[in-house]
Amino acid sequence: ERVLERLCVGDKIQIRAAGTGLTLPDYPDIRVMNCSPRLLKALNPSEKNGRVRLPVAKVIPGKLMGSGIGSSGSFRGDYDIQSTSAEAVKEYSLDQIRLGDLVAISDHDATHGPRWQPGAITVGVVAHGASQMSGHGPGVNVLMTSPKGLIEPIITRKANLAEILGLL
């Protein structure tokens, strides 16, 4: 509060970040974003048949994605899994999604902002809960995306940040 009170337009500030520009050199077709080196290590990715394997709690069909599609980037903000259809909530067990869950979104690429693309895959973390507003629902912050589908989601109930980072 004290520092904020003294800041003026034009003041220089320094921002420290971890993971900005993080890449997987052996996988140029996988884009990493919003992911620190510590989180990447904790995810314990493995490789099989040229694909990076990551733990996820659930695979979400891209057709369920709503608010945030078409935004200009995925380095900030989220995009939502639509949760206004009772039938979709039941069919895909969307009511079981927890804050902090890692989810894979099929047929979605977020390299230059979230968009539908057959065969692509995006993995993100659930950052907020459901909504009854049309097009809205649990929000997903993107961690990795591959327009060529080079990420293989491995479903496990322990794919939650609290579990992965030992916060429990």
Protein backbone atom coordinates (compact mmCIF):
# COMPACT_ATOMS: atom_id res chain seq x y z
CA GLU A 1 0.00 0.00 0.00
CA ARG A 2 2.75 2.45 0.97
CA VAL A 3 4.67 1.88 -2.28
CA LEU A 4 1.52 2.07 -4.42
CA GLU A 5 0.67 5.44 -2.89
CA ARG A 6 4.04 6.84 -4.04
CA LEU A 7 4.04 5.44 -7.61
CA CYS A 8 3.58 7.93 -10.44
CA VAL A 9 3.12 7.62 -14.19
CA GLY A 10 6.55 7.13 -15.73
CA ASP A 11 8.16 5.57 -12.65
CA LYS A 12 10.44 2.67 -13.45
CA ILE A 13 9.60 -0.68 -11.88
CA GLN A 14 11.20 -4.07 -12.08
CA ILE A 15 9.18 -7.24 -12.56
CA ARG A 16 10.64 -10.64 -11.84
CA ALA A 17 9.22 -13.65 -13.61
CA ALA A 18 9.92 -17.36 -13.67
CA GLY A 19 9.43 -19.34 -16.84
CA THR A 20 8.97 -16.49 -19.31
CA GLY A 21 10.15 -17.86 -22.64
CA LEU A 22 10.30 -21.44 -21.34
CA THR A 23 10.53 -23.91 -24.23
CA LEU A 24 10.94 -27.62 -24.80
CA PRO A 25 13.88 -27.60 -27.27
CA ASP A 26 13.28 -31.20 -28.36
CA TYR A 27 9.61 -30.41 -29.08
CA PRO A 28 9.37 -27.23 -31.17
CA ASP A 29 5.72 -27.98 -31.96
CA ILE A 30 4.74 -27.70 -28.29
CA ARG A 31 4.31 -24.21 -26.88
CA VAL A 32 4.75 -23.69 -23.12
CA MET A 33 3.08 -20.73 -21.41
CA ASN A 34 2.06 -19.71 -17.89
CA CYS A 35 4.34 -22.44 -16.54
CA SER A 36 7.37 -22.00 -14.31
CA PRO A 37 10.36 -24.37 -14.43
CA ARG A 38 9.32 -25.59 -10.95
CA LEU A 39 5.84 -26.51 -12.17
CA LEU A 40 7.19 -28.17 -15.32
CA LYS A 41 9.49 -30.32 -13.20
CA ALA A 42 6.66 -31.19 -10.79
CA LEU A 43 4.43 -32.26 -13.72
CA ASN A 44 7.09 -34.89 -14.40
CA PRO A 45 6.44 -35.10 -18.15
CA SER A 46 7.55 -38.21 -19.95
CA GLU A 47 8.03 -39.02 -23.63
CA LYS A 48 6.63 -41.84 -25.71
CA ASN A 49 6.64 -42.15 -29.50
CA GLY A 50 7.59 -38.50 -30.00
CA ARG A 51 4.81 -37.17 -27.77
CA VAL A 52 5.06 -35.49 -24.37
CA ARG A 53 2.89 -37.24 -21.80
CA LEU A 54 1.29 -35.11 -19.07
CA PRO A 55 -1.05 -35.95 -16.19
CA VAL A 56 -4.60 -34.60 -16.49
CA ALA A 57 -7.75 -35.11 -14.46
CA LYS A 58 -10.02 -35.01 -17.50
CA VAL A 59 -10.10 -34.56 -21.27
CA ILE A 60 -12.58 -31.90 -22.34
CA PRO A 61 -13.96 -31.96 -25.90
CA GLY A 62 -13.10 -28.72 -27.66
CA LYS A 63 -16.74 -28.25 -28.67
CA LEU A 64 -17.50 -27.31 -25.05
CA MET A 65 -15.14 -24.33 -24.96
CA GLY A 66 -16.74 -20.90 -24.84
CA SER A 67 -15.76 -17.50 -23.49
CA GLY A 68 -12.19 -16.58 -24.42
CA ILE A 69 -12.09 -18.34 -27.79
CA GLY A 70 -10.64 -15.97 -30.35
CA SER A 71 -8.68 -13.88 -27.86
CA SER A 72 -5.34 -12.68 -29.16
CA GLY A 73 -3.17 -14.71 -26.79
CA SER A 74 -3.05 -17.32 -24.04
CA PHE A 75 -0.26 -15.83 -21.95
CA ARG A 76 -2.78 -14.12 -19.71
CA GLY A 77 -6.36 -14.79 -18.86
CA ASP A 78 -8.30 -17.96 -19.37
CA TYR A 79 -10.97 -19.49 -21.51
CA ASP A 80 -14.05 -21.25 -20.28
CA ILE A 81 -15.55 -24.73 -20.42
CA GLN A 82 -19.24 -24.02 -21.02
CA SER A 83 -21.27 -25.39 -18.12
CA THR A 84 -24.77 -24.10 -18.87
CA SER A 85 -26.02 -27.31 -20.49
CA ALA A 86 -27.19 -29.81 -17.86
CA GLU A 87 -26.81 -32.58 -20.46
CA ALA A 88 -23.16 -31.69 -21.17
CA VAL A 89 -22.39 -31.34 -17.46
CA LYS A 90 -23.74 -34.84 -16.90
CA GLU A 91 -22.24 -36.44 -20.03
CA TYR A 92 -18.71 -35.12 -19.39
CA SER A 93 -18.90 -35.04 -15.54
CA LEU A 94 -18.11 -31.32 -15.55
CA ASP A 95 -19.45 -31.07 -11.99
CA GLN A 96 -16.43 -33.15 -10.91
CA ILE A 97 -13.86 -30.56 -12.07
CA ARG A 98 -11.95 -29.00 -9.17
CA LEU A 99 -9.98 -25.78 -8.89
CA GLY A 100 -6.37 -26.62 -9.70
CA ASP A 101 -7.21 -29.64 -11.88
CA LEU A 102 -5.13 -30.09 -15.00
CA VAL A 103 -7.36 -30.68 -18.01
CA ALA A 104 -6.65 -31.46 -21.65
CA ILE A 105 -8.78 -29.80 -24.31
CA SER A 106 -9.04 -31.83 -27.49
CA ASP A 107 -9.09 -30.23 -30.92
CA HIS A 108 -7.88 -26.88 -29.55
CA ASP A 109 -4.69 -24.96 -30.22
CA ALA A 110 -3.74 -21.96 -28.08
CA THR A 111 -0.45 -21.04 -29.76
CA HIS A 112 -1.76 -17.61 -30.81
CA GLY A 113 -4.90 -17.56 -28.67
CA PRO A 114 -7.44 -20.34 -28.12
CA ARG A 115 -9.09 -21.68 -31.25
CA TRP A 116 -10.64 -24.86 -32.59
CA GLN A 117 -8.27 -27.01 -34.64
CA PRO A 118 -8.86 -30.72 -35.30
CA GLY A 119 -6.06 -32.89 -33.88
CA ALA A 120 -4.56 -30.14 -31.72
CA ILE A 121 -4.40 -30.45 -27.94
CA THR A 122 -4.09 -27.96 -25.13
CA VAL A 123 -3.40 -28.63 -21.43
CA GLY A 124 -4.29 -26.09 -18.77
CA VAL A 125 -5.20 -25.63 -15.14
CA VAL A 126 -8.70 -24.85 -13.87
CA ALA A 127 -8.54 -21.35 -12.38
CA HIS A 128 -12.19 -20.63 -11.52
CA GLY A 129 -15.48 -22.45 -11.14
CA ALA A 130 -18.70 -22.95 -13.09
CA SER A 131 -21.17 -20.31 -14.23
CA GLN A 132 -24.74 -20.18 -15.40
CA MET A 133 -23.98 -17.40 -17.90
CA SER A 134 -24.12 -18.53 -21.51
CA GLY A 135 -20.66 -19.44 -22.86
CA HIS A 136 -19.07 -19.44 -19.40
CA GLY A 137 -17.98 -22.09 -16.92
CA PRO A 138 -14.78 -23.37 -15.32
CA GLY A 139 -11.90 -21.23 -16.59
CA VAL A 140 -8.71 -22.82 -17.92
CA ASN A 141 -5.30 -21.12 -17.94
CA VAL A 142 -3.18 -22.65 -20.70
CA LEU A 143 0.09 -24.38 -19.72
CA MET A 144 0.99 -26.16 -22.98
CA THR A 145 -0.45 -26.45 -26.43
CA SER A 146 0.39 -28.37 -29.58
CA PRO A 147 -1.27 -27.67 -32.92
CA LYS A 148 0.04 -31.06 -34.11
CA GLY A 149 -1.34 -33.01 -31.12
CA LEU A 150 2.09 -33.88 -29.69
CA ILE A 151 0.83 -33.87 -26.11
CA GLU A 152 -0.60 -37.11 -24.75
CA PRO A 153 -2.89 -36.63 -21.75
CA ILE A 154 -2.61 -39.33 -19.08
CA ILE A 155 -5.77 -39.34 -16.96
CA THR A 156 -5.20 -39.51 -13.21
CA ARG A 157 -7.29 -38.12 -10.34
CA LYS A 158 -4.08 -36.77 -8.78
CA ALA A 159 -3.64 -34.27 -11.63
CA ASN A 160 -4.32 -31.25 -9.44
CA LEU A 161 -1.86 -28.47 -8.59
CA ALA A 162 -2.32 -29.00 -4.85
CA GLU A 163 -1.28 -32.63 -5.23
CA ILE A 164 1.43 -32.05 -7.83
CA LEU A 165 3.09 -29.22 -5.90
CA GLY A 166 2.67 -30.92 -2.50
CA LEU A 167 0.40 -28.22 -1.11
CA LEU A 168 -1.92 -30.61 0.73
